[in-house]
Amino acid sequence: MNDENRYLQALSERRRDVDFPYYPARVVLQDLLGTPALVDLAGMRDAIAEAGGDPATINPVVATHLVVDHSLNVEVAGHDPDAMAKNMAIEQTKNAERFEFLAWCKQAFSNLDVLMPGKASCIRSTSNICRRSFNCRMAWHFPIRLSGRTATRR
């Protein structure tokens, strides 16, 4: 009996002794947790290169989107018509090294997209990224499931 039939039979019999593999179609990360994950991937690439392997083989397994939507520190008040542009410029200066690393990740890793600050919020980006309600892989059609965490500050 192939795996598909085994899974279907287990479902129909309401058995709980069969583990179903979970393969997400894509992963959406926000910068607080996503940046350390990319640092780990970059470190793995360094270790593979030091061992004589091809570092380009280290990539996210599924489509991954990192949304850098952290809170913008307000240095210039909103009554200034250029407040957003000025605050973004200050943010770029303060986080230049981190943003440079994220830009490197975007071009170095396949299967990764990085949405830099000022482009979109995590919630808006997630709805655009997951606008397809179903995904198809290996002749299986399955609904996209979104699980994650977002920080809400008051």
N, C-alpha and C. Protein backbone atom coordinates (compact mmCIF):
# COMPACT_ATOMS: atom_id res chain seq x y z
N MET A 1 0.86 -1.18 0.00
CA MET A 1 0.00 0.00 0.00
C MET A 1 0.91 1.24 0.00
N ASN A 2 0.64 2.17 -0.91
CA ASN A 2 1.46 3.37 -0.96
C ASN A 2 1.07 4.33 0.17
N ASP A 3 1.92 5.34 0.39
CA ASP A 3 1.70 6.28 1.50
C ASP A 3 0.35 6.99 1.42
N GLU A 4 -0.03 7.40 0.22
CA GLU A 4 -1.29 8.14 0.08
C GLU A 4 -2.47 7.30 0.56
N ASN A 5 -2.50 6.02 0.12
CA ASN A 5 -3.60 5.14 0.54
C ASN A 5 -3.54 4.85 2.04
N ARG A 6 -2.34 4.73 2.56
CA ARG A 6 -2.18 4.49 4.00
C ARG A 6 -2.73 5.68 4.80
N TYR A 7 -2.43 6.90 4.34
CA TYR A 7 -2.94 8.10 5.03
C TYR A 7 -4.46 8.18 4.92
N LEU A 8 -4.99 7.92 3.73
CA LEU A 8 -6.45 7.97 3.55
C LEU A 8 -7.15 6.92 4.40
N GLN A 9 -6.59 5.73 4.46
CA GLN A 9 -7.18 4.68 5.27
C GLN A 9 -7.14 5.06 6.76
N ALA A 10 -6.03 5.61 7.21
CA ALA A 10 -5.91 6.04 8.61
C ALA A 10 -6.94 7.12 8.93
N LEU A 11 -7.16 8.05 7.99
CA LEU A 11 -8.17 9.09 8.20
C LEU A 11 -9.57 8.48 8.28
N SER A 12 -9.88 7.60 7.35
CA SER A 12 -11.23 7.01 7.33
C SER A 12 -11.50 6.16 8.57
N GLU A 13 -10.46 5.57 9.13
CA GLU A 13 -10.62 4.75 10.33
C GLU A 13 -10.42 5.54 11.62
N ARG A 14 -10.16 6.85 11.47
CA ARG A 14 -9.93 7.74 12.61
C ARG A 14 -8.80 7.23 13.51
N ARG A 15 -7.79 6.66 12.89
CA ARG A 15 -6.65 6.14 13.64
C ARG A 15 -5.73 7.29 14.02
N ARG A 16 -5.06 7.11 15.13
CA ARG A 16 -4.15 8.15 15.62
C ARG A 16 -2.70 7.66 15.68
N ASP A 17 -2.45 6.52 15.10
CA ASP A 17 -1.11 5.95 15.16
C ASP A 17 -0.27 6.25 13.91
N VAL A 18 -0.81 7.04 13.01
CA VAL A 18 -0.10 7.39 11.78
C VAL A 18 0.26 8.87 11.81
N ASP A 19 1.53 9.15 11.60
CA ASP A 19 1.98 10.54 11.53
C ASP A 19 1.86 11.03 10.10
N PHE A 20 1.27 12.20 9.95
CA PHE A 20 1.16 12.82 8.63
C PHE A 20 2.29 13.82 8.46
N PRO A 21 3.03 13.73 7.36
CA PRO A 21 4.11 14.71 7.15
C PRO A 21 3.51 16.10 6.92
N TYR A 22 4.13 17.10 7.50
CA TYR A 22 3.67 18.48 7.33
C TYR A 22 4.70 19.22 6.48
N TYR A 23 4.27 19.63 5.30
CA TYR A 23 5.13 20.36 4.38
C TYR A 23 4.47 21.70 4.07
N PRO A 24 4.88 22.76 4.75
CA PRO A 24 4.28 24.06 4.43
C PRO A 24 4.66 24.48 3.01
N ALA A 25 3.76 25.18 2.37
CA ALA A 25 4.01 25.66 1.02
C ALA A 25 4.95 26.85 1.03
N ARG A 26 4.87 27.64 2.08
CA ARG A 26 5.75 28.79 2.21
C ARG A 26 5.82 29.21 3.67
N VAL A 27 6.84 29.97 4.00
CA VAL A 27 7.05 30.47 5.35
C VAL A 27 7.16 31.98 5.27
N VAL A 28 6.43 32.67 6.13
CA VAL A 28 6.52 34.13 6.23
C VAL A 28 7.11 34.45 7.60
N LEU A 29 8.22 35.15 7.59
CA LEU A 29 8.91 35.51 8.83
C LEU A 29 8.89 37.02 9.01
N GLN A 30 8.77 37.47 10.24
CA GLN A 30 8.99 38.89 10.49
C GLN A 30 10.44 39.05 10.97
N ASP A 31 10.95 40.25 10.95
CA ASP A 31 12.39 40.45 11.14
C ASP A 31 12.91 40.04 12.50
N LEU A 32 12.13 40.12 13.56
CA LEU A 32 12.61 39.79 14.89
C LEU A 32 13.08 38.34 14.98
N LEU A 33 12.35 37.42 14.36
CA LEU A 33 12.72 36.01 14.40
C LEU A 33 13.38 35.55 13.10
N GLY A 34 13.10 36.23 12.02
CA GLY A 34 13.64 35.82 10.73
C GLY A 34 15.10 36.16 10.54
N THR A 35 15.55 37.29 11.06
CA THR A 35 16.94 37.68 10.90
C THR A 35 17.88 36.66 11.56
N PRO A 36 17.62 36.22 12.81
CA PRO A 36 18.49 35.18 13.38
C PRO A 36 18.49 33.88 12.57
N ALA A 37 17.36 33.54 11.98
CA ALA A 37 17.32 32.33 11.14
C ALA A 37 18.24 32.48 9.93
N LEU A 38 18.26 33.68 9.34
CA LEU A 38 19.15 33.91 8.20
C LEU A 38 20.61 33.93 8.63
N VAL A 39 20.87 34.43 9.84
CA VAL A 39 22.25 34.39 10.36
C VAL A 39 22.69 32.93 10.50
N ASP A 40 21.79 32.07 10.98
CA ASP A 40 22.11 30.64 11.09
C ASP A 40 22.39 30.03 9.72
N LEU A 41 21.58 30.37 8.71
CA LEU A 41 21.81 29.85 7.36
C LEU A 41 23.15 30.33 6.81
N ALA A 42 23.49 31.59 7.05
CA ALA A 42 24.78 32.13 6.59
C ALA A 42 25.93 31.41 7.29
N GLY A 43 25.76 31.14 8.59
CA GLY A 43 26.78 30.39 9.33
C GLY A 43 26.95 28.98 8.81
N MET A 44 25.83 28.35 8.44
CA MET A 44 25.90 27.02 7.85
C MET A 44 26.65 27.06 6.53
N ARG A 45 26.42 28.11 5.76
CA ARG A 45 27.15 28.24 4.49
C ARG A 45 28.65 28.37 4.73
N ASP A 46 29.03 29.16 5.75
CA ASP A 46 30.45 29.30 6.08
C ASP A 46 31.06 27.96 6.47
N ALA A 47 30.34 27.18 7.29
CA ALA A 47 30.85 25.88 7.73
C ALA A 47 31.00 24.92 6.55
N ILE A 48 30.03 24.93 5.64
CA ILE A 48 30.12 24.07 4.45
C ILE A 48 31.31 24.47 3.58
N ALA A 49 31.52 25.78 3.41
CA ALA A 49 32.65 26.26 2.61
C ALA A 49 33.98 25.87 3.25
N GLU A 50 34.08 26.00 4.59
CA GLU A 50 35.32 25.62 5.27
C GLU A 50 35.60 24.13 5.15
N ALA A 51 34.54 23.32 5.05
CA ALA A 51 34.70 21.87 4.91
C ALA A 51 34.95 21.47 3.45
N GLY A 52 34.99 22.45 2.55
CA GLY A 52 35.26 22.16 1.15
C GLY A 52 34.04 21.91 0.30
N GLY A 53 32.85 22.15 0.87
CA GLY A 53 31.61 21.92 0.12
C GLY A 53 31.15 23.18 -0.60
N ASP A 54 30.03 23.06 -1.25
CA ASP A 54 29.45 24.17 -2.00
C ASP A 54 28.44 24.90 -1.12
N PRO A 55 28.76 26.11 -0.66
CA PRO A 55 27.84 26.82 0.24
C PRO A 55 26.50 27.17 -0.42
N ALA A 56 26.46 27.20 -1.73
CA ALA A 56 25.21 27.53 -2.43
C ALA A 56 24.15 26.45 -2.27
N THR A 57 24.54 25.29 -1.73
CA THR A 57 23.55 24.22 -1.51
C THR A 57 22.70 24.49 -0.27
N ILE A 58 23.09 25.45 0.56
CA ILE A 58 22.32 25.79 1.76
C ILE A 58 21.32 26.89 1.41
N ASN A 59 20.05 26.52 1.40
CA ASN A 59 18.96 27.44 1.07
C ASN A 59 17.72 27.02 1.84
N PRO A 60 16.76 27.93 2.02
CA PRO A 60 15.49 27.50 2.60
C PRO A 60 14.86 26.41 1.73
N VAL A 61 14.25 25.42 2.36
CA VAL A 61 13.66 24.30 1.63
C VAL A 61 12.37 24.71 0.94
N VAL A 62 11.58 25.55 1.59
CA VAL A 62 10.33 26.03 1.00
C VAL A 62 10.44 27.54 0.76
N ALA A 63 9.55 28.05 -0.05
CA ALA A 63 9.53 29.49 -0.32
C ALA A 63 9.43 30.25 1.00
N THR A 64 10.34 31.19 1.21
CA THR A 64 10.42 31.93 2.47
C THR A 64 10.41 33.41 2.18
N HIS A 65 9.60 34.12 2.94
CA HIS A 65 9.49 35.58 2.81
C HIS A 65 9.79 36.20 4.16
N LEU A 66 10.79 37.06 4.20
CA LEU A 66 11.12 37.80 5.42
C LEU A 66 10.61 39.22 5.25
N VAL A 67 9.73 39.63 6.15
CA VAL A 67 9.15 40.97 6.09
C VAL A 67 9.77 41.79 7.21
N VAL A 68 10.54 42.79 6.82
CA VAL A 68 11.20 43.67 7.79
C VAL A 68 10.26 44.85 8.04
N ASP A 69 9.40 44.67 9.04
CA ASP A 69 8.39 45.70 9.30
C ASP A 69 8.46 46.20 10.74
N HIS A 70 9.65 46.13 11.30
CA HIS A 70 9.77 46.51 12.71
C HIS A 70 9.30 47.94 12.93
N SER A 71 9.06 48.26 14.17
CA SER A 71 8.58 49.60 14.50
C SER A 71 9.62 50.65 14.11
N LEU A 72 9.15 51.66 13.46
CA LEU A 72 10.01 52.76 13.06
C LEU A 72 10.09 53.75 14.22
N ASN A 73 11.29 54.08 14.62
CA ASN A 73 11.45 55.09 15.66
C ASN A 73 11.14 56.45 15.07
N VAL A 74 10.32 57.19 15.75
CA VAL A 74 9.91 58.50 15.25
C VAL A 74 10.87 59.55 15.79
N GLU A 75 11.66 60.09 14.90
CA GLU A 75 12.60 61.16 15.24
C GLU A 75 12.08 62.51 14.76
N VAL A 76 11.29 62.47 13.68
CA VAL A 76 10.74 63.69 13.10
C VAL A 76 9.22 63.59 13.21
N ALA A 77 8.60 64.61 13.76
CA ALA A 77 7.16 64.59 14.01
C ALA A 77 6.36 64.59 12.71
N GLY A 78 5.13 64.10 12.81
CA GLY A 78 4.26 63.96 11.65
C GLY A 78 3.80 65.26 11.03
N HIS A 79 3.93 66.37 11.73
CA HIS A 79 3.51 67.64 11.13
C HIS A 79 4.45 68.08 10.02
N ASP A 80 5.64 67.50 9.96
CA ASP A 80 6.58 67.76 8.87
C ASP A 80 6.14 66.91 7.67
N PRO A 81 5.88 67.51 6.52
CA PRO A 81 5.42 66.73 5.36
C PRO A 81 6.42 65.68 4.89
N ASP A 82 7.68 65.82 5.24
CA ASP A 82 8.71 64.86 4.86
C ASP A 82 9.09 63.93 6.02
N ALA A 83 8.22 63.85 7.03
CA ALA A 83 8.54 63.08 8.23
C ALA A 83 8.86 61.62 7.92
N MET A 84 8.05 60.97 7.11
CA MET A 84 8.27 59.56 6.81
C MET A 84 9.61 59.35 6.12
N ALA A 85 9.91 60.15 5.13
CA ALA A 85 11.18 60.02 4.42
C ALA A 85 12.37 60.28 5.34
N LYS A 86 12.25 61.27 6.19
CA LYS A 86 13.34 61.59 7.12
C LYS A 86 13.52 60.47 8.14
N ASN A 87 12.41 59.95 8.68
CA ASN A 87 12.50 58.86 9.64
C ASN A 87 13.08 57.59 9.00
N MET A 88 12.70 57.31 7.76
CA MET A 88 13.26 56.15 7.06
C MET A 88 14.76 56.33 6.83
N ALA A 89 15.19 57.53 6.50
CA ALA A 89 16.62 57.78 6.29
C ALA A 89 17.40 57.58 7.59
N ILE A 90 16.85 58.03 8.70
CA ILE A 90 17.49 57.84 10.00
C ILE A 90 17.56 56.34 10.32
N GLU A 91 16.46 55.64 10.05
CA GLU A 91 16.40 54.19 10.28
C GLU A 91 17.44 53.46 9.44
N GLN A 92 17.60 53.86 8.18
CA GLN A 92 18.59 53.24 7.30
C GLN A 92 20.00 53.43 7.86
N THR A 93 20.27 54.61 8.41
CA THR A 93 21.58 54.88 8.99
C THR A 93 21.81 54.04 10.24
N LYS A 94 20.81 53.99 11.12
CA LYS A 94 20.95 53.24 12.38
C LYS A 94 21.11 51.74 12.14
N ASN A 95 20.46 51.21 11.13
CA ASN A 95 20.44 49.77 10.88
C ASN A 95 21.18 49.37 9.62
N ALA A 96 22.13 50.19 9.19
CA ALA A 96 22.81 49.97 7.91
C ALA A 96 23.43 48.58 7.81
N GLU A 97 24.12 48.13 8.86
CA GLU A 97 24.79 46.84 8.80
C GLU A 97 23.78 45.70 8.68
N ARG A 98 22.70 45.77 9.45
CA ARG A 98 21.68 44.72 9.39
C ARG A 98 20.99 44.72 8.03
N PHE A 99 20.64 45.90 7.52
CA PHE A 99 19.97 45.99 6.22
C PHE A 99 20.90 45.51 5.10
N GLU A 100 22.21 45.77 5.24
CA GLU A 100 23.16 45.29 4.24
C GLU A 100 23.21 43.76 4.25
N PHE A 101 23.20 43.17 5.45
CA PHE A 101 23.18 41.71 5.56
C PHE A 101 21.90 41.14 4.93
N LEU A 102 20.76 41.75 5.21
CA LEU A 102 19.49 41.26 4.65
C LEU A 102 19.46 41.39 3.13
N ALA A 103 20.02 42.47 2.62
CA ALA A 103 20.10 42.64 1.15
C ALA A 103 21.00 41.56 0.55
N TRP A 104 22.10 41.22 1.24
CA TRP A 104 22.96 40.13 0.78
C TRP A 104 22.19 38.81 0.76
N CYS A 105 21.43 38.55 1.83
CA CYS A 105 20.64 37.31 1.92
C CYS A 105 19.67 37.21 0.76
N LYS A 106 19.04 38.33 0.43
CA LYS A 106 18.04 38.32 -0.64
C LYS A 106 18.64 37.86 -1.96
N GLN A 107 19.88 38.27 -2.25
CA GLN A 107 20.49 37.86 -3.51
C GLN A 107 21.26 36.55 -3.38
N ALA A 108 21.69 36.18 -2.19
CA ALA A 108 22.53 34.98 -2.03
C ALA A 108 21.73 33.69 -1.94
N PHE A 109 20.56 33.74 -1.30
CA PHE A 109 19.77 32.52 -1.10
C PHE A 109 18.68 32.41 -2.15
N SER A 110 18.55 31.22 -2.71
CA SER A 110 17.40 30.99 -3.58
C SER A 110 16.23 30.60 -2.69
N ASN A 111 15.04 30.80 -3.16
CA ASN A 111 13.83 30.47 -2.41
C ASN A 111 13.58 31.43 -1.26
N LEU A 112 14.17 32.63 -1.32
CA LEU A 112 14.01 33.63 -0.26
C LEU A 112 13.70 34.98 -0.87
N ASP A 113 12.73 35.66 -0.28
CA ASP A 113 12.43 37.04 -0.65
C ASP A 113 12.46 37.87 0.62
N VAL A 114 13.09 39.02 0.57
CA VAL A 114 13.17 39.92 1.71
C VAL A 114 12.47 41.22 1.34
N LEU A 115 11.43 41.56 2.09
CA LEU A 115 10.72 42.83 1.90
C LEU A 115 11.27 43.81 2.91
N MET A 116 12.04 44.77 2.42
CA MET A 116 12.72 45.72 3.30
C MET A 116 11.76 46.73 3.90
N PRO A 117 12.17 47.44 4.97
CA PRO A 117 11.28 48.38 5.64
C PRO A 117 10.79 49.48 4.70
N GLY A 118 9.58 49.91 5.00
CA GLY A 118 8.97 50.96 4.19
C GLY A 118 8.22 50.43 2.98
N LYS A 119 8.36 49.16 2.70
CA LYS A 119 7.70 48.56 1.54
C LYS A 119 6.31 48.04 1.88
N ALA A 120 6.17 47.40 3.05
CA ALA A 120 4.88 46.82 3.42
C ALA A 120 4.93 46.34 4.86
N SER A 121 3.78 46.23 5.47
CA SER A 121 3.72 45.65 6.81
C SER A 121 3.63 44.14 6.69
N CYS A 122 3.94 43.44 7.78
CA CYS A 122 3.90 41.98 7.76
C CYS A 122 2.50 41.47 7.45
N ILE A 123 1.49 42.09 8.03
CA ILE A 123 0.11 41.63 7.81
C ILE A 123 -0.30 41.84 6.36
N ARG A 124 -0.03 43.00 5.79
CA ARG A 124 -0.39 43.28 4.40
C ARG A 124 0.39 42.36 3.47
N SER A 125 1.68 42.17 3.74
CA SER A 125 2.50 41.31 2.89
C SER A 125 2.02 39.88 2.93
N THR A 126 1.64 39.41 4.12
CA THR A 126 1.17 38.03 4.26
C THR A 126 -0.07 37.81 3.41
N SER A 127 -0.98 38.76 3.41
CA SER A 127 -2.19 38.58 2.61
C SER A 127 -1.86 38.57 1.11
N ASN A 128 -0.86 39.34 0.68
CA ASN A 128 -0.46 39.32 -0.73
C ASN A 128 0.29 38.04 -1.08
N ILE A 129 1.16 37.59 -0.19
CA ILE A 129 1.94 36.39 -0.44
C ILE A 129 1.05 35.17 -0.50
N CYS A 130 0.05 35.10 0.36
CA CYS A 130 -0.81 33.92 0.47
C CYS A 130 -2.15 34.10 -0.21
N ARG A 131 -2.21 34.93 -1.23
CA ARG A 131 -3.50 35.20 -1.84
C ARG A 131 -4.07 33.98 -2.57
N ARG A 132 -3.22 33.04 -2.94
CA ARG A 132 -3.73 31.80 -3.48
C ARG A 132 -4.23 30.96 -2.30
N SER A 133 -5.41 30.41 -2.42
CA SER A 133 -5.96 29.64 -1.31
C SER A 133 -5.53 28.17 -1.35
N PHE A 134 -5.05 27.72 -2.49
CA PHE A 134 -4.61 26.33 -2.59
C PHE A 134 -3.26 26.27 -3.27
N ASN A 135 -2.51 25.25 -2.91
CA ASN A 135 -1.22 25.03 -3.53
C ASN A 135 -1.22 23.62 -4.11
N CYS A 136 -0.41 23.39 -5.08
CA CYS A 136 -0.35 22.07 -5.71
C CYS A 136 1.11 21.64 -5.73
N ARG A 137 1.37 20.47 -5.17
CA ARG A 137 2.72 19.92 -5.19
C ARG A 137 2.61 18.41 -5.32
N MET A 138 3.31 17.85 -6.25
CA MET A 138 3.33 16.40 -6.45
C MET A 138 1.91 15.83 -6.57
N ALA A 139 1.05 16.50 -7.34
CA ALA A 139 -0.32 16.08 -7.62
C ALA A 139 -1.22 16.14 -6.40
N TRP A 140 -0.76 16.72 -5.31
CA TRP A 140 -1.60 16.90 -4.12
C TRP A 140 -2.04 18.35 -4.08
N HIS A 141 -3.31 18.58 -3.86
CA HIS A 141 -3.82 19.93 -3.69
C HIS A 141 -4.16 20.11 -2.22
N PHE A 142 -3.66 21.17 -1.63
CA PHE A 142 -3.92 21.37 -0.22
C PHE A 142 -4.07 22.86 0.06
N PRO A 143 -4.90 23.20 1.06
CA PRO A 143 -5.08 24.61 1.39
C PRO A 143 -3.82 25.16 2.05
N ILE A 144 -3.56 26.41 1.79
CA ILE A 144 -2.43 27.05 2.45
C ILE A 144 -2.83 27.35 3.88
N ARG A 145 -1.99 26.96 4.79
CA ARG A 145 -2.25 27.22 6.21
C ARG A 145 -1.25 28.28 6.65
N LEU A 146 -1.75 29.27 7.32
CA LEU A 146 -0.89 30.33 7.82
C LEU A 146 -0.83 30.23 9.32
N SER A 147 0.36 30.04 9.83
CA SER A 147 0.53 30.06 11.28
C SER A 147 1.73 30.93 11.56
N GLY A 148 1.63 31.73 12.54
CA GLY A 148 2.71 32.62 12.86
C GLY A 148 2.38 33.50 14.03
N ARG A 149 3.18 34.51 14.20
CA ARG A 149 3.01 35.40 15.33
C ARG A 149 3.33 36.80 14.86
N THR A 150 2.58 37.72 15.34
CA THR A 150 2.89 39.12 15.07
C THR A 150 2.79 39.88 16.38
N ALA A 151 3.63 40.83 16.55
CA ALA A 151 3.63 41.62 17.78
C ALA A 151 2.73 42.84 17.60
N THR A 152 1.89 43.07 18.57
CA THR A 152 1.04 44.26 18.56
C THR A 152 1.43 45.11 19.74
N ARG A 153 1.77 46.31 19.47
CA ARG A 153 2.19 47.23 20.55
C ARG A 153 1.13 48.29 20.72
N ARG A 154 0.93 48.67 21.93
CA ARG A 154 -0.03 49.73 22.23
C ARG A 154 0.68 50.93 22.80
